[in-house]
């Protein structure tokens, strides 16, 4: 009987893991763009980080150094840069950032800024 219980427990674990994977692959679980940004982008694009410093140098005050504060970052640009990389920024594969996560990230970073959380609160 213990073998049956162990087998059922193993099946339950596999099914639960599969459900999480299916949701991530485009299921009904909504994706939060701010969470995607925190997970994948903030490591380089937070205050005093290499991506922010590079953008600050490149734009020399024409734009805010943090991309969360930009007012003109269009969705198609975000999609292109994330999938292809630019300069020292690597590209991110669909196995790293799914299409649903990338869509949520692009929506989060795209204008109008009034729909974003307070980017200066970090």
PDB file of N, CA and C in Angstrom:
ATOM      1  N   UNK A   1       0.811  -1.189   0.000  1.00  0.00           N
ATOM      2  CA  UNK A   1       0.000   0.000   0.000  1.00  0.00           C
ATOM      3  C   UNK A   1       0.867   1.272   0.000  1.00  0.00           C
ATOM      4  N   UNK A   2       2.020   1.203   0.700  1.00  0.00           N
ATOM      5  CA  UNK A   2       2.917   2.354   0.725  1.00  0.00           C
ATOM      6  C   UNK A   2       3.469   2.653  -0.667  1.00  0.00           C
ATOM      7  N   UNK A   3       3.677   1.613  -1.465  1.00  0.00           N
ATOM      8  CA  UNK A   3       4.171   1.803  -2.826  1.00  0.00           C
ATOM      9  C   UNK A   3       3.139   2.549  -3.659  1.00  0.00           C
ATOM     10  N   UNK A   4       1.862   2.201  -3.486  1.00  0.00           N
ATOM     11  CA  UNK A   4       0.787   2.875  -4.219  1.00  0.00           C
ATOM     12  C   UNK A   4       0.723   4.346  -3.808  1.00  0.00           C
ATOM     13  N   UNK A   5       0.794   4.620  -2.522  1.00  0.00           N
ATOM     14  CA  UNK A   5       0.767   6.003  -2.035  1.00  0.00           C
ATOM     15  C   UNK A   5       1.963   6.793  -2.574  1.00  0.00           C
ATOM     16  N   UNK A   6       3.126   6.179  -2.565  1.00  0.00           N
ATOM     17  CA  UNK A   6       4.318   6.850  -3.084  1.00  0.00           C
ATOM     18  C   UNK A   6       4.163   7.146  -4.563  1.00  0.00           C
ATOM     19  N   UNK A   7       3.618   6.193  -5.296  1.00  0.00           N
ATOM     20  CA  UNK A   7       3.385   6.389  -6.722  1.00  0.00           C
ATOM     21  C   UNK A   7       2.384   7.494  -6.984  1.00  0.00           C
ATOM     22  N   UNK A   8       1.301   7.530  -6.208  1.00  0.00           N
ATOM     23  CA  UNK A   8       0.295   8.586  -6.363  1.00  0.00           C
ATOM     24  C   UNK A   8       0.876   9.956  -6.013  1.00  0.00           C
ATOM     25  N   UNK A   9       1.708   9.998  -4.995  1.00  0.00           N
ATOM     26  CA  UNK A   9       2.343  11.262  -4.619  1.00  0.00           C
ATOM     27  C   UNK A   9       3.258  11.748  -5.741  1.00  0.00           C
ATOM     28  N   UNK A  10       3.990  10.828  -6.347  1.00  0.00           N
ATOM     29  CA  UNK A  10       4.884  11.202  -7.448  1.00  0.00           C
ATOM     30  C   UNK A  10       4.092  11.729  -8.635  1.00  0.00           C
ATOM     31  N   UNK A  11       2.983  11.071  -8.945  1.00  0.00           N
ATOM     32  CA  UNK A  11       2.128  11.521 -10.050  1.00  0.00           C
ATOM     33  C   UNK A  11       1.563  12.906  -9.746  1.00  0.00           C
ATOM     34  N   UNK A  12       1.146  13.138  -8.513  1.00  0.00           N
ATOM     35  CA  UNK A  12       0.597  14.442  -8.133  1.00  0.00           C
ATOM     36  C   UNK A  12       1.650  15.536  -8.295  1.00  0.00           C
ATOM     37  N   UNK A  13       2.878  15.253  -7.927  1.00  0.00           N
ATOM     38  CA  UNK A  13       3.966  16.239  -8.062  1.00  0.00           C
ATOM     39  C   UNK A  13       4.218  16.545  -9.535  1.00  0.00           C
ATOM     40  N   UNK A  14       4.276  15.521 -10.359  1.00  0.00           N
ATOM     41  CA  UNK A  14       4.500  15.716 -11.792  1.00  0.00           C
ATOM     42  C   UNK A  14       3.363  16.518 -12.408  1.00  0.00           C
ATOM     43  N   UNK A  15       2.127  16.198 -12.055  1.00  0.00           N
ATOM     44  CA  UNK A  15       0.984  16.938 -12.595  1.00  0.00           C
ATOM     45  C   UNK A  15       1.009  18.398 -12.150  1.00  0.00           C
ATOM     46  N   UNK A  16       1.353  18.646 -10.905  1.00  0.00           N
ATOM     47  CA  UNK A  16       1.412  20.022 -10.417  1.00  0.00           C
ATOM     48  C   UNK A  16       2.505  20.795 -11.147  1.00  0.00           C
ATOM     49  N   UNK A  17       3.640  20.189 -11.350  1.00  0.00           N
ATOM     50  CA  UNK A  17       4.727  20.851 -12.071  1.00  0.00           C
ATOM     51  C   UNK A  17       4.321  21.111 -13.514  1.00  0.00           C
ATOM     52  N   UNK A  18       3.657  20.153 -14.139  1.00  0.00           N
ATOM     53  CA  UNK A  18       3.199  20.328 -15.509  1.00  0.00           C
ATOM     54  C   UNK A  18       2.174  21.435 -15.636  1.00  0.00           C
ATOM     55  N   UNK A  19       1.324  21.589 -14.658  1.00  0.00           N
ATOM     56  CA  UNK A  19       0.331  22.662 -14.679  1.00  0.00           C
ATOM     57  C   UNK A  19       1.011  24.014 -14.633  1.00  0.00           C
ATOM     58  N   UNK A  20       2.035  24.174 -13.813  1.00  0.00           N
ATOM     59  CA  UNK A  20       2.780  25.423 -13.754  1.00  0.00           C
ATOM     60  C   UNK A  20       3.481  25.716 -15.063  1.00  0.00           C
ATOM     61  N   UNK A  21       4.047  24.684 -15.667  1.00  0.00           N
ATOM     62  CA  UNK A  21       4.715  24.860 -16.946  1.00  0.00           C
ATOM     63  C   UNK A  21       3.717  25.263 -18.020  1.00  0.00           C
ATOM     64  N   UNK A  22       2.538  24.625 -18.041  1.00  0.00           N
ATOM     65  CA  UNK A  22       1.527  24.954 -19.046  1.00  0.00           C
ATOM     66  C   UNK A  22       1.048  26.389 -18.889  1.00  0.00           C
ATOM     67  N   UNK A  23       0.871  26.836 -17.667  1.00  0.00           N
ATOM     68  CA  UNK A  23       0.440  28.216 -17.444  1.00  0.00           C
ATOM     69  C   UNK A  23       1.484  29.189 -17.953  1.00  0.00           C
ATOM     70  N   UNK A  24       2.755  28.860 -17.756  1.00  0.00           N
ATOM     71  CA  UNK A  24       3.827  29.730 -18.220  1.00  0.00           C
ATOM     72  C   UNK A  24       3.909  29.756 -19.743  1.00  0.00           C
ATOM     73  N   UNK A  25       3.478  28.714 -20.385  1.00  0.00           N
ATOM     74  CA  UNK A  25       3.558  28.621 -21.836  1.00  0.00           C
ATOM     75  C   UNK A  25       2.364  29.270 -22.533  1.00  0.00           C
ATOM     76  N   UNK A  26       1.627  30.113 -21.866  1.00  0.00           N
ATOM     77  CA  UNK A  26       0.545  30.819 -22.536  1.00  0.00           C
ATOM     78  C   UNK A  26      -0.819  30.469 -21.980  1.00  0.00           C
ATOM     79  N   UNK A  27      -0.862  29.901 -20.791  1.00  0.00           N
ATOM     80  CA  UNK A  27      -2.135  29.582 -20.169  1.00  0.00           C
ATOM     81  C   UNK A  27      -2.841  30.848 -19.722  1.00  0.00           C
ATOM     82  N   UNK A  28      -3.762  30.701 -18.810  1.00  0.00           N
ATOM     83  CA  UNK A  28      -4.587  31.832 -18.399  1.00  0.00           C
ATOM     84  C   UNK A  28      -3.969  32.661 -17.282  1.00  0.00           C
ATOM     85  N   UNK A  29      -2.839  32.247 -16.733  1.00  0.00           N
ATOM     86  CA  UNK A  29      -2.213  33.014 -15.671  1.00  0.00           C
ATOM     87  C   UNK A  29      -1.673  34.327 -16.244  1.00  0.00           C
ATOM     88  N   UNK A  30      -2.152  35.473 -15.729  1.00  0.00           N
ATOM     89  CA  UNK A  30      -1.652  36.749 -16.262  1.00  0.00           C
ATOM     90  C   UNK A  30      -0.187  36.956 -15.893  1.00  0.00           C
ATOM     91  N   UNK A  31       0.528  37.624 -16.779  1.00  0.00           N
ATOM     92  CA  UNK A  31       1.943  37.898 -16.556  1.00  0.00           C
ATOM     93  C   UNK A  31       2.084  39.368 -16.198  1.00  0.00           C
ATOM     94  N   UNK A  32       2.843  39.654 -15.152  1.00  0.00           N
ATOM     95  CA  UNK A  32       3.067  41.013 -14.679  1.00  0.00           C
ATOM     96  C   UNK A  32       4.366  41.540 -15.274  1.00  0.00           C
ATOM     97  N   UNK A  33       4.268  42.581 -16.104  1.00  0.00           N
ATOM     98  CA  UNK A  33       5.436  43.156 -16.746  1.00  0.00           C
ATOM     99  C   UNK A  33       6.462  43.683 -15.759  1.00  0.00           C
ATOM    100  N   UNK A  34       6.005  44.241 -14.647  1.00  0.00           N
ATOM    101  CA  UNK A  34       6.930  44.739 -13.630  1.00  0.00           C
ATOM    102  C   UNK A  34       7.734  43.588 -13.023  1.00  0.00           C
ATOM    103  N   UNK A  35       7.083  42.448 -12.852  1.00  0.00           N
ATOM    104  CA  UNK A  35       7.785  41.272 -12.321  1.00  0.00           C
ATOM    105  C   UNK A  35       8.838  40.786 -13.327  1.00  0.00           C
ATOM    106  N   UNK A  36       8.488  40.773 -14.607  1.00  0.00           N
ATOM    107  CA  UNK A  36       9.444  40.372 -15.639  1.00  0.00           C
ATOM    108  C   UNK A  36      10.632  41.325 -15.635  1.00  0.00           C
ATOM    109  N   UNK A  37      10.360  42.624 -15.540  1.00  0.00           N
ATOM    110  CA  UNK A  37      11.431  43.621 -15.484  1.00  0.00           C
ATOM    111  C   UNK A  37      12.343  43.363 -14.278  1.00  0.00           C
ATOM    112  N   UNK A  38      11.742  43.157 -13.120  1.00  0.00           N
ATOM    113  CA  UNK A  38      12.534  42.908 -11.916  1.00  0.00           C
ATOM    114  C   UNK A  38      13.392  41.654 -12.058  1.00  0.00           C
ATOM    115  N   UNK A  39      12.847  40.632 -12.681  1.00  0.00           N
ATOM    116  CA  UNK A  39      13.545  39.348 -12.816  1.00  0.00           C
ATOM    117  C   UNK A  39      14.688  39.405 -13.835  1.00  0.00           C
ATOM    118  N   UNK A  40      14.445  40.025 -14.992  1.00  0.00           N
ATOM    119  CA  UNK A  40      15.388  39.943 -16.092  1.00  0.00           C
ATOM    120  C   UNK A  40      16.127  41.242 -16.401  1.00  0.00           C
ATOM    121  N   UNK A  41      15.563  42.381 -16.125  1.00  0.00           N
ATOM    122  CA  UNK A  41      16.131  43.651 -16.590  1.00  0.00           C
ATOM    123  C   UNK A  41      16.824  44.453 -15.490  1.00  0.00           C
ATOM    124  N   UNK A  42      16.262  44.423 -14.294  1.00  0.00           N
ATOM    125  CA  UNK A  42      16.761  45.279 -13.221  1.00  0.00           C
ATOM    126  C   UNK A  42      18.200  44.959 -12.826  1.00  0.00           C
ATOM    127  N   UNK A  43      18.651  43.738 -13.081  1.00  0.00           N
ATOM    128  CA  UNK A  43      20.029  43.396 -12.729  1.00  0.00           C
ATOM    129  C   UNK A  43      21.039  44.267 -13.479  1.00  0.00           C
ATOM    130  N   UNK A  44      20.640  44.787 -14.641  1.00  0.00           N
ATOM    131  CA  UNK A  44      21.520  45.700 -15.397  1.00  0.00           C
ATOM    132  C   UNK A  44      20.939  47.109 -15.521  1.00  0.00           C
ATOM    133  N   UNK A  45      19.627  47.253 -15.382  1.00  0.00           N
ATOM    134  CA  UNK A  45      18.992  48.541 -15.645  1.00  0.00           C
ATOM    135  C   UNK A  45      18.420  49.221 -14.399  1.00  0.00           C
ATOM    136  N   UNK A  46      18.836  48.810 -13.207  1.00  0.00           N
ATOM    137  CA  UNK A  46      18.464  49.524 -11.980  1.00  0.00           C
ATOM    138  C   UNK A  46      19.485  50.641 -11.758  1.00  0.00           C
ATOM    139  N   UNK A  47      19.260  51.444 -10.753  1.00  0.00           N
ATOM    140  CA  UNK A  47      20.192  52.538 -10.447  1.00  0.00           C
ATOM    141  C   UNK A  47      21.614  52.010 -10.259  1.00  0.00           C
ATOM    142  N   UNK A  48      22.579  52.731 -10.841  1.00  0.00           N
ATOM    143  CA  UNK A  48      24.008  52.459 -10.677  1.00  0.00           C
ATOM    144  C   UNK A  48      24.443  51.104 -11.243  1.00  0.00           C
ATOM    145  N   UNK A  49      23.663  50.550 -12.159  1.00  0.00           N
ATOM    146  CA  UNK A  49      24.013  49.271 -12.773  1.00  0.00           C
ATOM    147  C   UNK A  49      24.536  49.525 -14.194  1.00  0.00           C
ATOM    148  N   UNK A  50      25.258  48.558 -14.773  1.00  0.00           N
ATOM    149  CA  UNK A  50      25.918  48.781 -16.061  1.00  0.00           C
ATOM    150  C   UNK A  50      25.004  49.265 -17.192  1.00  0.00           C
ATOM    151  N   UNK A  51      23.816  48.688 -17.323  1.00  0.00           N
ATOM    152  CA  UNK A  51      22.910  49.111 -18.395  1.00  0.00           C
ATOM    153  C   UNK A  51      22.443  50.545 -18.227  1.00  0.00           C
ATOM    154  N   UNK A  52      22.161  50.923 -17.006  1.00  0.00           N
ATOM    155  CA  UNK A  52      21.728  52.290 -16.719  1.00  0.00           C
ATOM    156  C   UNK A  52      22.869  53.274 -16.948  1.00  0.00           C
ATOM    157  N   UNK A  53      24.051  52.915 -16.511  1.00  0.00           N
ATOM    158  CA  UNK A  53      25.225  53.786 -16.708  1.00  0.00           C
ATOM    159  C   UNK A  53      25.512  53.956 -18.197  1.00  0.00           C
ATOM    160  N   UNK A  54      25.405  52.863 -18.959  1.00  0.00           N
ATOM    161  CA  UNK A  54      25.649  52.939 -20.405  1.00  0.00           C
ATOM    162  C   UNK A  54      24.632  53.853 -21.088  1.00  0.00           C
ATOM    163  N   UNK A  55      23.351  53.727 -20.709  1.00  0.00           N
ATOM    164  CA  UNK A  55      22.322  54.576 -21.315  1.00  0.00           C
ATOM    165  C   UNK A  55      22.484  56.032 -20.887  1.00  0.00           C
ATOM    166  N   UNK A  56      22.889  56.245 -19.657  1.00  0.00           N
ATOM    167  CA  UNK A  56      23.131  57.604 -19.174  1.00  0.00           C
ATOM    168  C   UNK A  56      24.256  58.252 -19.976  1.00  0.00           C
ATOM    169  N   UNK A  57      25.300  57.490 -20.221  1.00  0.00           N
ATOM    170  CA  UNK A  57      26.423  57.994 -21.014  1.00  0.00           C
ATOM    171  C   UNK A  57      26.001  58.234 -22.463  1.00  0.00           C
ATOM    172  N   UNK A  58      25.285  57.285 -23.027  1.00  0.00           N
ATOM    173  CA  UNK A  58      24.875  57.394 -24.428  1.00  0.00           C
ATOM    174  C   UNK A  58      23.978  58.601 -24.676  1.00  0.00           C
ATOM    175  N   UNK A  59      22.985  58.804 -23.804  1.00  0.00           N
ATOM    176  CA  UNK A  59      22.000  59.859 -24.041  1.00  0.00           C
ATOM    177  C   UNK A  59      22.352  61.182 -23.368  1.00  0.00           C
ATOM    178  N   UNK A  60      23.364  61.215 -22.537  1.00  0.00           N
ATOM    179  CA  UNK A  60      23.902  62.440 -21.940  1.00  0.00           C
ATOM    180  C   UNK A  60      22.816  63.427 -21.499  1.00  0.00           C
ATOM    181  N   UNK A  61      21.836  62.926 -20.768  1.00  0.00           N
ATOM    182  CA  UNK A  61      20.795  63.797 -20.235  1.00  0.00           C
ATOM    183  C   UNK A  61      19.593  64.015 -21.148  1.00  0.00           C
ATOM    184  N   UNK A  62      19.643  63.554 -22.395  1.00  0.00           N
ATOM    185  CA  UNK A  62      18.495  63.691 -23.295  1.00  0.00           C
ATOM    186  C   UNK A  62      17.328  62.813 -22.850  1.00  0.00           C
ATOM    187  N   UNK A  63      17.640  61.697 -22.201  1.00  0.00           N
ATOM    188  CA  UNK A  63      16.639  60.770 -21.669  1.00  0.00           C
ATOM    189  C   UNK A  63      17.037  60.429 -20.243  1.00  0.00           C
ATOM    190  N   UNK A  64      16.069  60.033 -19.432  1.00  0.00           N
ATOM    191  CA  UNK A  64      16.427  59.552 -18.091  1.00  0.00           C
ATOM    192  C   UNK A  64      17.307  58.304 -18.217  1.00  0.00           C
ATOM    193  N   UNK A  65      18.185  58.071 -17.272  1.00  0.00           N
ATOM    194  CA  UNK A  65      19.082  56.915 -17.370  1.00  0.00           C
ATOM    195  C   UNK A  65      18.365  55.569 -17.233  1.00  0.00           C
ATOM    196  N   UNK A  66      17.256  55.532 -16.500  1.00  0.00           N
ATOM    197  CA  UNK A  66      16.517  54.274 -16.285  1.00  0.00           C
ATOM    198  C   UNK A  66      15.439  54.111 -17.341  1.00  0.00           C
ATOM    199  N   UNK A  67      15.417  52.974 -18.029  1.00  0.00           N
ATOM    200  CA  UNK A  67      14.437  52.776 -19.097  1.00  0.00           C
ATOM    201  C   UNK A  67      13.005  52.771 -18.588  1.00  0.00           C
ATOM    202  N   UNK A  68      12.790  52.467 -17.335  1.00  0.00           N
ATOM    203  CA  UNK A  68      11.442  52.540 -16.765  1.00  0.00           C
ATOM    204  C   UNK A  68      10.903  53.974 -16.781  1.00  0.00           C
ATOM    205  N   UNK A  69      11.770  54.940 -16.838  1.00  0.00           N
ATOM    206  CA  UNK A  69      11.355  56.339 -16.803  1.00  0.00           C
ATOM    207  C   UNK A  69      11.204  56.952 -18.188  1.00  0.00           C
ATOM    208  N   UNK A  70      11.555  56.208 -19.227  1.00  0.00           N
ATOM    209  CA  UNK A  70      11.424  56.729 -20.582  1.00  0.00           C
ATOM    210  C   UNK A  70       9.953  56.904 -20.929  1.00  0.00           C
ATOM    211  N   UNK A  71       9.659  57.840 -21.794  1.00  0.00           N
ATOM    212  CA  UNK A  71       8.281  58.110 -22.205  1.00  0.00           C
ATOM    213  C   UNK A  71       8.021  57.721 -23.659  1.00  0.00           C
ATOM    214  N   UNK A  72       9.064  57.180 -24.327  1.00  0.00           N
ATOM    215  CA  UNK A  72       8.924  56.913 -25.757  1.00  0.00           C
ATOM    216  C   UNK A  72       9.408  55.522 -26.169  1.00  0.00           C
ATOM    217  N   UNK A  73       9.448  54.582 -25.255  1.00  0.00           N
ATOM    218  CA  UNK A  73       9.931  53.234 -25.566  1.00  0.00           C
ATOM    219  C   UNK A  73       8.781  52.405 -26.121  1.00  0.00           C
ATOM    220  N   UNK A  74       8.747  52.292 -27.429  1.00  0.00           N
ATOM    221  CA  UNK A  74       7.665  51.584 -28.098  1.00  0.00           C
ATOM    222  C   UNK A  74       7.823  50.069 -27.952  1.00  0.00           C
ATOM    223  N   UNK A  75       6.709  49.390 -27.975  1.00  0.00           N
ATOM    224  CA  UNK A  75       6.662  47.944 -27.781  1.00  0.00           C
ATOM    225  C   UNK A  75       7.521  47.181 -28.786  1.00  0.00           C
ATOM    226  N   UNK A  76       7.480  47.580 -30.045  1.00  0.00           N
ATOM    227  CA  UNK A  76       8.250  46.846 -31.056  1.00  0.00           C
ATOM    228  C   UNK A  76       9.754  46.976 -30.824  1.00  0.00           C
ATOM    229  N   UNK A  77      10.190  48.089 -30.272  1.00  0.00           N
ATOM    230  CA  UNK A  77      11.614  48.274 -29.957  1.00  0.00           C
ATOM    231  C   UNK A  77      12.011  47.331 -28.824  1.00  0.00           C
ATOM    232  N   UNK A  78      11.182  47.257 -27.798  1.00  0.00           N
ATOM    233  CA  UNK A  78      11.458  46.348 -26.682  1.00  0.00           C
ATOM    234  C   UNK A  78      11.543  44.913 -27.185  1.00  0.00           C
ATOM    235  N   UNK A  79      10.585  44.498 -28.004  1.00  0.00           N
ATOM    236  CA  UNK A  79      10.603  43.141 -28.552  1.00  0.00           C
ATOM    237  C   UNK A  79      11.900  42.873 -29.320  1.00  0.00           C
ATOM    238  N   UNK A  80      12.282  43.796 -30.176  1.00  0.00           N
ATOM    239  CA  UNK A  80      13.476  43.605 -30.994  1.00  0.00           C
ATOM    240  C   UNK A  80      14.737  43.502 -30.130  1.00  0.00           C
ATOM    241  N   UNK A  81      14.911  44.448 -29.213  1.00  0.00           N
ATOM    242  CA  UNK A  81      16.130  44.483 -28.399  1.00  0.00           C
ATOM    243  C   UNK A  81      16.219  43.258 -27.497  1.00  0.00           C
ATOM    244  N   UNK A  82      15.111  42.843 -26.908  1.00  0.00           N
ATOM    245  CA  UNK A  82      15.144  41.674 -26.029  1.00  0.00           C
ATOM    246  C   UNK A  82      15.494  40.413 -26.821  1.00  0.00           C
ATOM    247  N   UNK A  83      14.924  40.240 -27.983  1.00  0.00           N
ATOM    248  CA  UNK A  83      15.172  39.022 -28.766  1.00  0.00           C
ATOM    249  C   UNK A  83      16.507  39.037 -29.513  1.00  0.00           C
ATOM    250  N   UNK A  84      17.040  40.215 -29.848  1.00  0.00           N
ATOM    251  CA  UNK A  84      18.253  40.301 -30.654  1.00  0.00           C
ATOM    252  C   UNK A  84      19.465  40.826 -29.905  1.00  0.00           C
ATOM    253  N   UNK A  85      19.242  41.475 -28.755  1.00  0.00           N
ATOM    254  CA  UNK A  85      20.333  42.100 -28.032  1.00  0.00           C
ATOM    255  C   UNK A  85      20.757  43.376 -28.748  1.00  0.00           C
ATOM    256  N   UNK A  86      21.578  44.153 -28.066  1.00  0.00           N
ATOM    257  CA  UNK A  86      22.111  45.376 -28.682  1.00  0.00           C
ATOM    258  C   UNK A  86      23.368  45.759 -27.910  1.00  0.00           C
ATOM    259  N   UNK A  87      24.434  46.039 -28.626  1.00  0.00           N
ATOM    260  CA  UNK A  87      25.690  46.362 -27.949  1.00  0.00           C
ATOM    261  C   UNK A  87      26.066  45.246 -26.989  1.00  0.00           C
ATOM    262  N   UNK A  88      26.395  45.587 -25.756  1.00  0.00           N
ATOM    263  CA  UNK A  88      26.781  44.559 -24.789  1.00  0.00           C
ATOM    264  C   UNK A  88      25.588  43.799 -24.189  1.00  0.00           C
ATOM    265  N   UNK A  89      24.370  44.271 -24.462  1.00  0.00           N
ATOM    266  CA  UNK A  89      23.196  43.577 -23.916  1.00  0.00           C
ATOM    267  C   UNK A  89      22.954  42.287 -24.696  1.00  0.00           C
ATOM    268  N   UNK A  90      22.857  41.162 -23.998  1.00  0.00           N
ATOM    269  CA  UNK A  90      22.636  39.888 -24.699  1.00  0.00           C
ATOM    270  C   UNK A  90      21.189  39.764 -25.189  1.00  0.00           C
ATOM    271  N   UNK A  91      20.990  38.870 -26.121  1.00  0.00           N
ATOM    272  CA  UNK A  91      19.629  38.545 -26.534  1.00  0.00           C
ATOM    273  C   UNK A  91      19.054  37.551 -25.526  1.00  0.00           C
ATOM    274  N   UNK A  92      17.740  37.513 -25.422  1.00  0.00           N
ATOM    275  CA  UNK A  92      17.084  36.567 -24.526  1.00  0.00           C
ATOM    276  C   UNK A  92      16.215  35.636 -25.359  1.00  0.00           C
ATOM    277  N   UNK A  93      16.432  34.345 -25.189  1.00  0.00           N
ATOM    278  CA  UNK A  93      15.684  33.332 -25.920  1.00  0.00           C
ATOM    279  C   UNK A  93      14.288  33.157 -25.323  1.00  0.00           C
ATOM    280  N   UNK A  94      13.417  32.528 -26.096  1.00  0.00           N
ATOM    281  CA  UNK A  94      12.056  32.261 -25.629  1.00  0.00           C
ATOM    282  C   UNK A  94      12.035  31.298 -24.447  1.00  0.00           C
ATOM    283  N   UNK A  95      13.107  30.555 -24.254  1.00  0.00           N
ATOM    284  CA  UNK A  95      13.191  29.676 -23.091  1.00  0.00           C
ATOM    285  C   UNK A  95      13.562  30.454 -21.835  1.00  0.00           C
ATOM    286  N   UNK A  96      14.040  31.678 -22.008  1.00  0.00           N
ATOM    287  CA  UNK A  96      14.368  32.539 -20.867  1.00  0.00           C
ATOM    288  C   UNK A  96      13.214  33.500 -20.584  1.00  0.00           C
ATOM    289  N   UNK A  97      12.816  34.242 -21.590  1.00  0.00           N
ATOM    290  CA  UNK A  97      11.680  35.154 -21.486  1.00  0.00           C
ATOM    291  C   UNK A  97      10.671  34.698 -22.536  1.00  0.00           C
ATOM    292  N   UNK A  98       9.546  34.175 -22.076  1.00  0.00           N
ATOM    293  CA  UNK A  98       8.543  33.671 -23.015  1.00  0.00           C
ATOM    294  C   UNK A  98       7.926  34.829 -23.801  1.00  0.00           C
ATOM    295  N   UNK A  99       7.216  34.505 -24.866  1.00  0.00           N
ATOM    296  CA  UNK A  99       6.531  35.535 -25.638  1.00  0.00           C
ATOM    297  C   UNK A  99       5.525  36.290 -24.773  1.00  0.00           C
ATOM    298  N   UNK A 100       4.811  35.573 -23.908  1.00  0.00           N
ATOM    299  CA  UNK A 100       3.828  36.227 -23.028  1.00  0.00           C
ATOM    300  C   UNK A 100       4.532  37.172 -22.054  1.00  0.00           C
ATOM    301  N   UNK A 101       5.671  36.748 -21.522  1.00  0.00           N
ATOM    302  CA  UNK A 101       6.434  37.609 -20.616  1.00  0.00           C
ATOM    303  C   UNK A 101       6.978  38.822 -21.355  1.00  0.00           C
ATOM    304  N   UNK A 102       7.448  38.625 -22.582  1.00  0.00           N
ATOM    305  CA  UNK A 102       7.966  39.735 -23.371  1.00  0.00           C
ATOM    306  C   UNK A 102       6.850  40.724 -23.712  1.00  0.00           C
ATOM    307  N   UNK A 103       5.680  40.229 -24.041  1.00  0.00           N
ATOM    308  CA  UNK A 103       4.536  41.116 -24.304  1.00  0.00           C
ATOM    309  C   UNK A 103       4.207  41.949 -23.063  1.00  0.00           C
ATOM    310  N   UNK A 104       4.208  41.298 -21.899  1.00  0.00           N
ATOM    311  CA  UNK A 104       3.905  42.004 -20.651  1.00  0.00           C
ATOM    312  C   UNK A 104       4.991  43.039 -20.346  1.00  0.00           C
ATOM    313  N   UNK A 105       6.237  42.685 -20.569  1.00  0.00           N
ATOM    314  CA  UNK A 105       7.344  43.616 -20.353  1.00  0.00           C
ATOM    315  C   UNK A 105       7.222  44.819 -21.282  1.00  0.00           C
ATOM    316  N   UNK A 106       6.957  44.561 -22.553  1.00  0.00           N
ATOM    317  CA  UNK A 106       6.816  45.645 -23.534  1.00  0.00           C
ATOM    318  C   UNK A 106       5.657  46.561 -23.161  1.00  0.00           C
ATOM    319  N   UNK A 107       4.554  45.986 -22.715  1.00  0.00           N
ATOM    320  CA  UNK A 107       3.418  46.800 -22.276  1.00  0.00           C
ATOM    321  C   UNK A 107       3.788  47.638 -21.060  1.00  0.00           C
ATOM    322  N   UNK A 108       4.543  47.048 -20.149  1.00  0.00           N
ATOM    323  CA  UNK A 108       4.972  47.748 -18.939  1.00  0.00           C
ATOM    324  C   UNK A 108       5.861  48.942 -19.263  1.00  0.00           C
ATOM    325  N   UNK A 109       6.766  48.766 -20.226  1.00  0.00           N
ATOM    326  CA  UNK A 109       7.719  49.827 -20.552  1.00  0.00           C
ATOM    327  C   UNK A 109       7.186  50.835 -21.572  1.00  0.00           C
ATOM    328  N   UNK A 110       6.132  50.488 -22.292  1.00  0.00           N
ATOM    329  CA  UNK A 110       5.615  51.358 -23.355  1.00  0.00           C
ATOM    330  C   UNK A 110       4.815  52.524 -22.786  1.00  0.00           C
ATOM    331  N   UNK A 111       4.731  53.621 -23.544  1.00  0.00           N
ATOM    332  CA  UNK A 111       3.876  54.726 -23.136  1.00  0.00           C
ATOM    333  C   UNK A 111       2.425  54.272 -23.144  1.00  0.00           C
ATOM    334  N   UNK A 112       1.526  54.880 -22.422  1.00  0.00           N
ATOM    335  CA  UNK A 112       1.773  56.038 -21.571  1.00  0.00           C
ATOM    336  C   UNK A 112       2.344  55.629 -20.221  1.00  0.00           C
ATOM    337  N   UNK A 113       3.203  56.467 -19.713  1.00  0.00           N
ATOM    338  CA  UNK A 113       3.881  56.197 -18.442  1.00  0.00           C
ATOM    339  C   UNK A 113       2.910  56.166 -17.279  1.00  0.00           C
ATOM    340  N   UNK A 114       1.746  56.759 -17.438  1.00  0.00           N
ATOM    341  CA  UNK A 114       0.780  56.798 -16.334  1.00  0.00           C
ATOM    342  C   UNK A 114       0.296  55.402 -15.960  1.00  0.00           C
ATOM    343  N   UNK A 115       0.484  54.412 -16.848  1.00  0.00           N
ATOM    344  CA  UNK A 115       0.056  53.055 -16.538  1.00  0.00           C
ATOM    345  C   UNK A 115       1.127  52.269 -15.798  1.00  0.00           C
ATOM    346  N   UNK A 116       2.319  52.837 -15.659  1.00  0.00           N
ATOM    347  CA  UNK A 116       3.410  52.158 -14.967  1.00  0.00           C
ATOM    348  C   UNK A 116       3.350  52.463 -13.480  1.00  0.00           C
ATOM    349  N   UNK A 117       4.005  51.588 -12.732  1.00  0.00           N
ATOM    350  CA  UNK A 117       4.160  51.884 -11.309  1.00  0.00           C
ATOM    351  C   UNK A 117       5.160  53.026 -11.189  1.00  0.00           C
ATOM    352  N   UNK A 118       5.294  53.583 -10.050  1.00  0.00           N
ATOM    353  CA  UNK A 118       6.229  54.683  -9.832  1.00  0.00           C
ATOM    354  C   UNK A 118       7.657  54.167  -9.948  1.00  0.00           C
ATOM    355  N   UNK A 119       8.286  54.419 -11.080  1.00  0.00           N
ATOM    356  CA  UNK A 119       9.628  53.897 -11.347  1.00  0.00           C
ATOM    357  C   UNK A 119      10.688  54.512 -10.460  1.00  0.00           C
ATOM    358  N   UNK A 120      10.406  55.636  -9.832  1.00  0.00           N
ATOM    359  CA  UNK A 120      11.393  56.255  -8.948  1.00  0.00           C
ATOM    360  C   UNK A 120      11.316  55.688  -7.545  1.00  0.00           C
ATOM    361  N   UNK A 121      10.368  54.802  -7.278  1.00  0.00           N
ATOM    362  CA  UNK A 121      10.174  54.277  -5.930  1.00  0.00           C
ATOM    363  C   UNK A 121      11.184  53.208  -5.557  1.00  0.00           C
ATOM    364  N   UNK A 122      12.042  52.817  -6.444  1.00  0.00           N
ATOM    365  CA  UNK A 122      13.012  51.767  -6.122  1.00  0.00           C
ATOM    366  C   UNK A 122      14.217  52.317  -5.426  1.00  0.00           C
TER     367      UNK A 122
END
